[in-house]
Protein backbone atom coordinates (compact mmCIF):
# COMPACT_ATOMS: atom_id res chain seq x y z
CA MET A 1 5.08 -42.71 4.92
CA GLU A 2 3.11 -39.50 4.80
CA ARG A 3 6.29 -37.45 4.67
CA LEU A 4 7.76 -39.76 2.04
CA LEU A 5 4.69 -39.34 -0.25
CA TRP A 6 4.96 -35.55 0.07
CA ALA A 7 8.66 -35.53 -0.82
CA SER A 8 8.19 -37.91 -3.64
CA THR A 9 5.30 -36.04 -5.16
CA GLN A 10 7.38 -32.90 -5.13
CA ALA A 11 10.08 -34.81 -7.08
CA LEU A 12 7.42 -35.88 -9.51
CA GLY A 13 6.30 -32.23 -9.98
CA CYS A 14 2.77 -33.07 -8.98
CA GLY A 15 2.85 -31.60 -5.48
CA GLY A 16 2.00 -28.05 -4.68
CA LYS A 17 1.46 -25.74 -1.72
CA ARG A 18 0.66 -27.71 1.36
CA GLY A 19 -3.02 -27.49 2.14
CA LYS A 20 -5.35 -28.01 5.10
CA GLY A 21 -5.35 -31.79 4.55
CA ASP A 22 -1.66 -32.20 4.67
CA ASP A 23 -0.79 -31.81 8.34
CA VAL A 24 -3.75 -33.52 9.97
CA ALA A 25 -1.77 -36.68 10.81
CA ALA A 26 1.45 -35.04 11.84
CA ALA A 27 1.68 -37.01 15.07
CA GLY A 28 1.88 -40.27 13.17
CA LEU A 29 4.46 -39.28 10.55
CA LEU A 30 7.39 -41.53 9.98
CA VAL A 31 10.82 -40.13 9.68
CA ASP A 32 13.26 -41.26 7.07
CA PRO A 33 16.49 -42.15 8.88
CA MET A 34 17.70 -44.48 6.14
CA GLY A 35 17.71 -41.84 3.42
CA THR A 36 15.16 -43.72 1.33
CA VAL A 37 13.23 -40.73 -0.03
CA GLY A 38 15.10 -40.76 -3.31
CA GLN A 39 14.58 -44.50 -3.76
CA LEU A 40 10.89 -44.17 -3.08
CA GLY A 41 10.67 -41.19 -5.39
CA GLU A 42 12.27 -43.26 -8.18
CA TRP A 43 9.89 -46.15 -7.50
CA LEU A 44 6.87 -43.85 -7.57
CA CYS A 45 8.14 -42.26 -10.82
CA ARG A 46 8.29 -45.68 -12.49
CA ALA A 47 4.72 -46.34 -11.33
CA ALA A 48 3.60 -42.97 -12.65
CA LEU A 49 5.15 -43.65 -16.09
CA GLN A 50 2.99 -46.74 -16.47
CA PRO A 51 -0.40 -45.34 -17.59
CA PRO A 52 -3.70 -47.14 -16.86
CA PRO A 53 -5.02 -49.51 -19.49
CA ALA A 54 -6.58 -47.90 -22.58
CA PRO A 55 -10.35 -47.34 -22.17
CA ARG A 56 -12.73 -49.75 -23.69
CA VAL A 57 -14.81 -47.13 -25.52
CA CYS A 58 -18.47 -47.99 -26.10
CA GLY A 59 -19.23 -48.79 -29.74
CA ALA A 60 -15.49 -49.14 -30.60
CA PRO A 61 -13.99 -52.53 -31.52
CA GLY A 62 -13.66 -54.61 -28.36
CA GLY A 63 -15.73 -52.12 -26.41
CA PRO A 64 -19.16 -52.45 -24.83
CA PRO A 65 -22.17 -51.96 -27.07
CA VAL A 66 -24.08 -48.67 -27.28
CA THR A 67 -27.64 -49.09 -26.00
CA ALA A 68 -28.51 -45.58 -24.91
CA ARG A 69 -29.55 -42.49 -26.79
CA ARG A 70 -26.49 -40.25 -27.25
CA VAL A 71 -25.58 -36.83 -28.53
CA ARG A 72 -22.33 -35.93 -30.24
CA LEU A 73 -20.37 -33.03 -28.81
CA ARG A 74 -18.23 -30.48 -30.65
CA ASP A 75 -15.01 -32.35 -29.72
CA GLY A 76 -16.36 -35.58 -31.16
CA ARG A 77 -17.20 -37.26 -27.84
CA HIS A 78 -20.67 -38.75 -27.17
CA LEU A 79 -22.85 -38.26 -24.11
CA ALA A 80 -25.44 -40.91 -23.20
CA TYR A 81 -28.62 -39.59 -21.72
CA GLU A 82 -31.97 -40.61 -20.24
CA GLU A 83 -35.17 -38.39 -20.14
CA SER A 84 -37.94 -38.34 -17.52
CA GLY A 85 -40.87 -36.17 -16.50
CA VAL A 86 -42.99 -34.58 -19.16
CA PRO A 87 -42.01 -34.47 -22.87
CA ARG A 88 -39.45 -31.71 -23.42
CA GLU A 89 -41.65 -29.95 -26.04
CA ALA A 90 -44.46 -29.58 -23.50
CA ALA A 91 -42.30 -28.68 -20.47
CA ARG A 92 -42.35 -25.38 -18.63
CA TYR A 93 -39.11 -26.14 -16.76
CA ARG A 94 -36.13 -28.15 -18.03
CA ILE A 95 -33.51 -29.72 -15.83
CA VAL A 96 -30.08 -31.13 -16.66
CA PHE A 97 -29.09 -33.57 -13.95
CA SER A 98 -25.50 -34.59 -12.93
CA HIS A 99 -25.28 -37.88 -11.15
CA GLY A 100 -22.97 -38.65 -8.25
CA PHE A 101 -19.98 -40.93 -7.76
CA SER A 102 -20.68 -44.46 -9.14
CA GLY A 103 -23.97 -43.24 -10.56
CA SER A 104 -25.40 -43.13 -14.12
CA ARG A 105 -27.91 -41.50 -16.44
CA LEU A 106 -30.57 -43.73 -14.86
CA ASP A 107 -30.23 -41.72 -11.65
CA SER A 108 -32.53 -38.78 -10.99
CA LEU A 109 -34.20 -36.79 -8.24
CA ARG A 110 -36.71 -39.55 -7.90
CA ALA A 111 -39.55 -37.06 -7.97
CA SER A 112 -43.00 -38.53 -8.61
CA GLN A 113 -44.41 -38.41 -12.12
CA GLU A 114 -47.50 -36.78 -10.68
CA VAL A 115 -45.58 -33.76 -9.41
CA ALA A 116 -43.51 -33.56 -12.57
CA GLU A 117 -46.70 -33.40 -14.65
CA GLU A 118 -48.39 -30.94 -12.28
CA LEU A 119 -45.44 -28.53 -12.52
CA GLY A 120 -44.51 -29.29 -16.15
CA VAL A 121 -40.96 -30.54 -15.42
CA TYR A 122 -38.72 -32.28 -17.93
CA MET A 123 -35.41 -33.73 -16.76
CA VAL A 124 -32.50 -35.22 -18.68
CA ALA A 125 -29.78 -37.11 -16.83
CA PHE A 126 -26.56 -38.14 -18.52
CA ASP A 127 -23.59 -40.41 -17.98
CA ARG A 128 -20.81 -38.07 -17.07
CA ALA A 129 -17.66 -38.42 -19.25
CA GLY A 130 -16.14 -41.88 -18.93
CA TYR A 131 -19.13 -43.27 -17.11
CA GLY A 132 -21.54 -45.82 -18.55
CA GLU A 133 -21.90 -45.16 -22.29
CA SER A 134 -20.43 -41.62 -22.45
CA ASP A 135 -17.06 -41.39 -24.08
CA PRO A 136 -14.10 -40.73 -21.78
CA ASN A 137 -12.54 -37.31 -21.66
CA PRO A 138 -8.83 -37.40 -20.91
CA HIS A 139 -8.91 -33.65 -20.24
CA ARG A 140 -11.88 -33.80 -17.84
CA SER A 141 -12.17 -30.88 -15.42
CA VAL A 142 -14.69 -28.94 -13.43
CA ARG A 143 -15.05 -26.66 -16.42
CA SER A 144 -15.56 -29.48 -18.93
CA ALA A 145 -18.22 -31.00 -16.74
CA ALA A 146 -20.21 -27.76 -16.86
CA LEU A 147 -19.73 -27.35 -20.56
CA ASP A 148 -20.94 -30.92 -21.11
CA MET A 149 -24.21 -29.98 -19.41
CA GLU A 150 -24.48 -26.86 -21.69
CA GLU A 151 -23.79 -28.83 -24.86
CA LEU A 152 -26.31 -31.51 -23.94
CA ALA A 153 -28.94 -28.83 -23.27
CA ASP A 154 -28.24 -27.22 -26.65
CA ALA A 155 -28.24 -30.50 -28.49
CA LEU A 156 -31.65 -31.34 -27.11
CA GLY A 157 -33.04 -27.82 -27.72
CA LEU A 158 -33.75 -26.96 -24.12
CA GLY A 159 -33.66 -23.22 -24.72
CA ASP A 160 -31.52 -20.36 -23.69
CA ARG A 161 -31.60 -21.23 -19.99
CA PHE A 162 -32.02 -24.45 -18.07
CA TYR A 163 -31.84 -25.66 -14.44
CA ALA A 164 -28.65 -27.42 -13.34
CA VAL A 165 -29.17 -30.05 -10.61
CA GLY A 166 -26.49 -32.27 -9.13
CA VAL A 167 -26.15 -34.84 -6.39
CA SER A 168 -23.07 -35.66 -4.28
CA LEU A 169 -19.83 -35.59 -6.28
CA GLY A 170 -21.71 -34.70 -9.45
CA CYS A 171 -22.33 -31.24 -7.94
CA HIS A 172 -18.85 -30.19 -9.12
CA ALA A 173 -20.58 -29.75 -12.52
CA VAL A 174 -23.11 -27.41 -10.95
CA TRP A 175 -20.35 -25.35 -9.27
CA GLY A 176 -18.61 -25.28 -12.64
CA ALA A 177 -21.80 -24.08 -14.32
CA LEU A 178 -22.16 -21.29 -11.72
CA ARG A 179 -18.61 -20.23 -12.53
CA HIS A 180 -18.43 -20.69 -16.27
CA ILE A 181 -21.98 -20.44 -17.71
CA PRO A 182 -24.08 -18.54 -15.17
CA HIS A 183 -25.90 -16.77 -17.97
CA ARG A 184 -27.30 -20.16 -19.16
CA LEU A 185 -28.82 -21.03 -15.84
CA ALA A 186 -32.42 -20.48 -14.83
CA GLY A 187 -31.63 -21.95 -11.44
CA ALA A 188 -29.44 -24.56 -9.65
CA ALA A 189 -29.87 -27.15 -6.95
CA MET A 190 -27.20 -29.25 -5.22
CA LEU A 191 -27.97 -32.26 -2.94
CA ALA A 192 -25.25 -33.24 -0.48
CA PRO A 193 -22.52 -31.70 -2.66
CA VAL A 194 -19.10 -33.10 -1.99
CA VAL A 195 -16.52 -30.68 -0.52
CA ASN A 196 -12.91 -30.33 -1.51
CA TYR A 197 -10.81 -30.15 1.66
CA TRP A 198 -8.28 -27.92 -0.15
CA TRP A 199 -10.74 -25.12 -1.13
CA PRO A 200 -9.06 -21.93 0.02
CA GLY A 201 -12.21 -20.49 1.56
CA LEU A 202 -12.58 -23.29 4.08
CA PRO A 203 -11.40 -22.61 7.62
CA ALA A 204 -8.11 -24.38 8.03
CA GLU A 205 -8.74 -25.93 11.44
CA ALA A 206 -12.25 -27.15 10.63
CA ALA A 207 -11.13 -28.63 7.27
CA ALA A 208 -8.15 -30.40 8.89
CA ALA A 209 -10.30 -31.81 11.67
CA ALA A 210 -12.92 -33.09 9.22
CA TYR A 211 -10.26 -34.59 7.03
CA ALA A 212 -8.72 -36.40 10.01
CA ARG A 213 -12.11 -37.98 10.91
CA GLN A 214 -12.10 -39.92 7.63
CA ALA A 215 -10.95 -43.50 7.40
CA ARG A 216 -7.18 -43.78 6.95
CA GLY A 217 -7.57 -45.17 3.44
CA ASP A 218 -9.83 -42.26 2.37
CA GLN A 219 -7.30 -39.76 3.68
CA TRP A 220 -4.61 -41.38 1.53
CA ALA A 221 -6.79 -41.71 -1.52
CA LEU A 222 -7.75 -38.04 -1.40
CA ARG A 223 -4.16 -36.90 -0.75
CA VAL A 224 -2.92 -38.90 -3.74
CA SER A 225 -5.77 -37.53 -5.85
CA HIS A 226 -4.74 -34.01 -4.96
CA HIS A 227 -0.94 -34.12 -4.95
CA ALA A 228 -0.18 -37.00 -7.34
CA PRO A 229 -3.20 -37.70 -9.59
CA GLY A 230 -1.05 -39.59 -12.01
CA LEU A 231 -0.39 -42.17 -9.33
CA LEU A 232 -4.03 -42.71 -8.32
CA HIS A 233 -4.74 -45.72 -10.58
CA TRP A 234 -1.61 -47.50 -9.49
CA TRP A 235 -2.19 -46.59 -5.82
CA MET A 236 -5.75 -47.94 -5.81
CA ALA A 237 -4.52 -51.19 -7.39
CA GLN A 238 -2.34 -51.84 -4.33
CA GLN A 239 -5.30 -52.62 -2.08
CA GLY A 240 -4.23 -54.94 0.68
CA TRP A 241 -0.86 -53.38 1.40
CA LEU A 242 -1.52 -49.66 0.81
CA PRO A 243 -4.47 -47.80 2.35
CA THR A 244 -7.19 -47.25 -0.33
CA SER A 245 -10.58 -45.65 -0.55
CA THR A 246 -13.45 -47.11 1.46
CA VAL A 247 -15.84 -45.08 -0.73
CA VAL A 248 -14.76 -46.95 -3.79
CA ASP A 249 -15.16 -50.25 -1.91
CA ASN A 250 -18.53 -49.26 -0.38
CA THR A 251 -17.22 -49.97 3.07
CA THR A 252 -17.31 -46.44 4.50
CA ARG A 253 -18.81 -46.17 7.94
CA LEU A 254 -22.31 -44.59 7.58
CA PRO A 255 -23.54 -43.07 10.88
CA ASN A 256 -27.05 -42.49 9.56
CA LYS A 257 -29.37 -45.47 9.96
CA ARG A 258 -31.23 -44.99 6.69
CA ASP A 259 -28.00 -44.71 4.75
CA ALA A 260 -26.67 -47.95 6.26
CA GLU A 261 -29.93 -49.78 5.55
CA VAL A 262 -30.11 -48.52 2.00
CA ARG A 263 -26.57 -49.58 1.24
CA ALA A 264 -27.10 -53.04 2.85
CA ALA A 265 -30.22 -53.63 0.77
CA LEU A 266 -28.52 -52.49 -2.46
CA ALA A 267 -25.60 -54.83 -1.73
CA ALA A 268 -27.80 -57.75 -0.85
CA ASP A 269 -29.82 -57.64 -4.09
CA GLY A 270 -26.78 -57.09 -6.28
CA THR A 271 -27.64 -53.49 -7.26
CA LEU A 272 -24.28 -52.07 -6.01
CA ARG A 273 -22.42 -54.62 -8.12
CA ARG A 274 -24.48 -53.93 -11.21
CA LYS A 275 -24.14 -50.18 -10.88
CA ARG A 276 -20.40 -50.49 -10.47
CA GLU A 277 -20.09 -52.76 -13.52
CA ALA A 278 -22.18 -50.33 -15.60
CA ALA A 279 -20.37 -47.22 -14.41
CA THR A 280 -16.84 -48.58 -14.92
CA GLN A 281 -17.39 -50.71 -18.05
CA GLN A 282 -15.02 -48.41 -20.05
CA GLY A 283 -12.43 -48.45 -17.29
CA ILE A 284 -12.49 -47.63 -13.60
CA HIS A 285 -9.73 -45.02 -14.20
CA GLU A 286 -11.95 -43.21 -16.74
CA SER A 287 -14.90 -42.98 -14.29
CA TYR A 288 -14.27 -43.35 -10.54
CA TYR A 289 -10.59 -42.27 -10.52
CA ARG A 290 -11.02 -39.30 -12.82
CA ASP A 291 -13.94 -38.24 -10.59
CA MET A 292 -11.56 -38.28 -7.58
CA THR A 293 -8.78 -36.32 -9.23
CA VAL A 294 -11.22 -33.72 -10.64
CA MET A 295 -13.15 -33.27 -7.41
CA PHE A 296 -10.17 -33.33 -5.06
CA GLY A 297 -7.59 -31.82 -7.31
CA LYS A 298 -6.59 -28.19 -7.69
CA TRP A 299 -9.61 -26.15 -8.67
CA GLU A 300 -9.22 -23.04 -10.86
CA PHE A 301 -11.66 -21.17 -8.61
CA ASP A 302 -12.93 -21.20 -5.08
CA PRO A 303 -16.70 -21.76 -4.88
CA MET A 304 -16.83 -19.56 -1.80
CA ALA A 305 -15.49 -16.61 -3.90
CA LEU A 306 -18.09 -16.88 -6.63
CA PRO A 307 -20.17 -13.81 -7.40
CA GLU A 308 -23.86 -13.94 -7.04
CA PRO A 309 -25.35 -15.59 -10.15
CA PRO A 310 -28.47 -14.30 -12.00
CA CYS A 311 -30.54 -17.19 -10.75
CA PRO A 312 -31.73 -18.86 -7.50
CA VAL A 313 -29.42 -21.51 -5.97
CA HIS A 314 -30.54 -24.15 -3.48
CA LEU A 315 -28.49 -26.58 -1.43
CA TRP A 316 -29.73 -29.53 0.62
CA GLN A 317 -27.53 -31.29 3.24
CA GLY A 318 -28.18 -33.94 5.82
CA ASP A 319 -26.75 -33.33 9.30
CA GLU A 320 -25.79 -37.01 9.71
CA ASP A 321 -23.92 -37.26 6.37
CA GLY A 322 -21.01 -39.73 6.78
CA LEU A 323 -19.42 -38.70 3.50
CA VAL A 324 -19.70 -34.92 3.40
CA PRO A 325 -19.00 -33.16 6.72
CA VAL A 326 -21.94 -30.96 7.62
CA VAL A 327 -19.70 -28.50 9.45
CA LEU A 328 -17.91 -27.75 6.18
CA GLN A 329 -21.17 -27.53 4.19
CA ARG A 330 -22.48 -25.00 6.67
CA HIS A 331 -19.41 -22.94 6.06
CA VAL A 332 -19.71 -23.12 2.30
CA ALA A 333 -23.36 -22.09 2.39
CA GLY A 334 -22.77 -19.45 5.07
CA SER A 335 -20.05 -17.87 2.91
CA LEU A 336 -22.50 -17.36 0.03
CA ALA A 337 -25.46 -15.19 0.99
CA TRP A 338 -27.20 -16.13 -2.23
CA VAL A 339 -27.31 -19.88 -1.51
CA ASN A 340 -30.62 -20.99 -0.06
CA TYR A 341 -29.44 -23.62 2.46
CA HIS A 342 -31.75 -26.49 3.56
CA GLU A 343 -30.35 -28.66 6.33
CA LEU A 344 -32.20 -31.95 6.93
CA PRO A 345 -32.12 -33.15 10.57
CA GLY A 346 -31.49 -36.90 11.16
CA THR A 347 -30.65 -37.37 7.47
CA GLY A 348 -27.52 -38.87 5.85
CA HIS A 349 -25.93 -38.70 2.47
CA PHE A 350 -28.25 -40.71 0.25
CA LEU A 351 -30.83 -37.99 -0.21
CA SER A 352 -32.52 -39.73 -3.10
CA ALA A 353 -33.76 -42.31 -0.56
CA VAL A 354 -35.44 -39.71 1.57
CA PRO A 355 -39.22 -40.14 1.01
CA GLY A 356 -40.70 -37.18 -0.86
CA LEU A 357 -37.53 -35.16 -1.07
CA GLY A 358 -37.50 -35.22 -4.88
CA ASP A 359 -40.97 -33.68 -4.92
CA THR A 360 -39.83 -31.13 -2.34
CA VAL A 361 -36.94 -30.10 -4.51
CA LEU A 362 -39.17 -29.58 -7.49
CA ARG A 363 -41.82 -27.66 -5.56
CA THR A 364 -39.02 -25.50 -4.02
CA LEU A 365 -37.59 -24.67 -7.44
CA PHE A 366 -40.96 -24.37 -9.35
CA GLY A 367 -43.84 -24.62 -6.92
CA SER A 368 -45.14 -21.09 -7.26
CA SER A 369 -46.18 -20.47 -10.84
CA ALA A 370 -46.43 -16.81 -10.05
CA ALA A 371 -42.86 -16.57 -8.74
CA ALA A 372 -41.09 -19.15 -10.85
CA LYS A 373 -40.75 -17.95 -14.46
CA PRO A 374 -40.51 -20.69 -17.06
CA TRP A 375 -37.66 -20.61 -19.52
């Protein structure tokens, strides 16, 4: 089946150079003695030609209502946002926060109000394109995610420079900002940033080994996201007879005890269900699936080849993260001498649940008023 997907995606024109994640299951490949590659390719082509349902855009006829504050971008889209910390007019430091997979504008660093007031920190979080009440972007990319942060900052009058902070998959926007708008950044922080197994700078053997340790469904979902993004919505709809993402289903094995307990509690009280409904109300293909194809697709740059930006950059990573392999994160951080790497022992992926970490992040970024210049 693995070989059939590769051959079929080549026929569809959505395959590319084989990457580190493409040979990890070679021992289990099926041969094609019946000559069915062409038939499967035709079948997959028909699936690809059937687009996902049109999004139910917030505020449009038949769409969900608009309840959040929003700004209008230059291309006509709207971004929904939520503010926290001190009032922006009184702030010494201003953060634009990019939420993770399945998140929303209501997510944040979870820093205490006391520390935010002590340091003078304002933070604005926003629904990334297609999530919650932000309009979908059919051309979403790593670059567009960064430019959305910049436009939001400008619309709210946050000044010439701001701090970009992201968590988990939302960190692709921070990488994008470091690549495309470094001159606009006063600083950046990433918490458990998701890694793309196809980044050229990753060591091939380590990336392949980490990829192979994922659940079978996650391997397939990422491979389709990378090689055949147009098929992802159809593929994920075949749950039950095709292997699909355990991350989307919230069934991923979590080796860290706190992570497992947090997820169980959120599932028990209905929070996971409510978050999913809010995140995907305009269409799961516009939120979750576009996230997957952007994050695990073909990037226009390699983060490990970025030049040093004119601002400090911090990265936090748990050594028991069941979603982001710490061995790959160490390589990413180790390849960039300008990244201040903070590895948290005995810690998993859900860093917002780590007591006091939000305050630690703020104090690390802004704690010394003599060293940290307000912008």
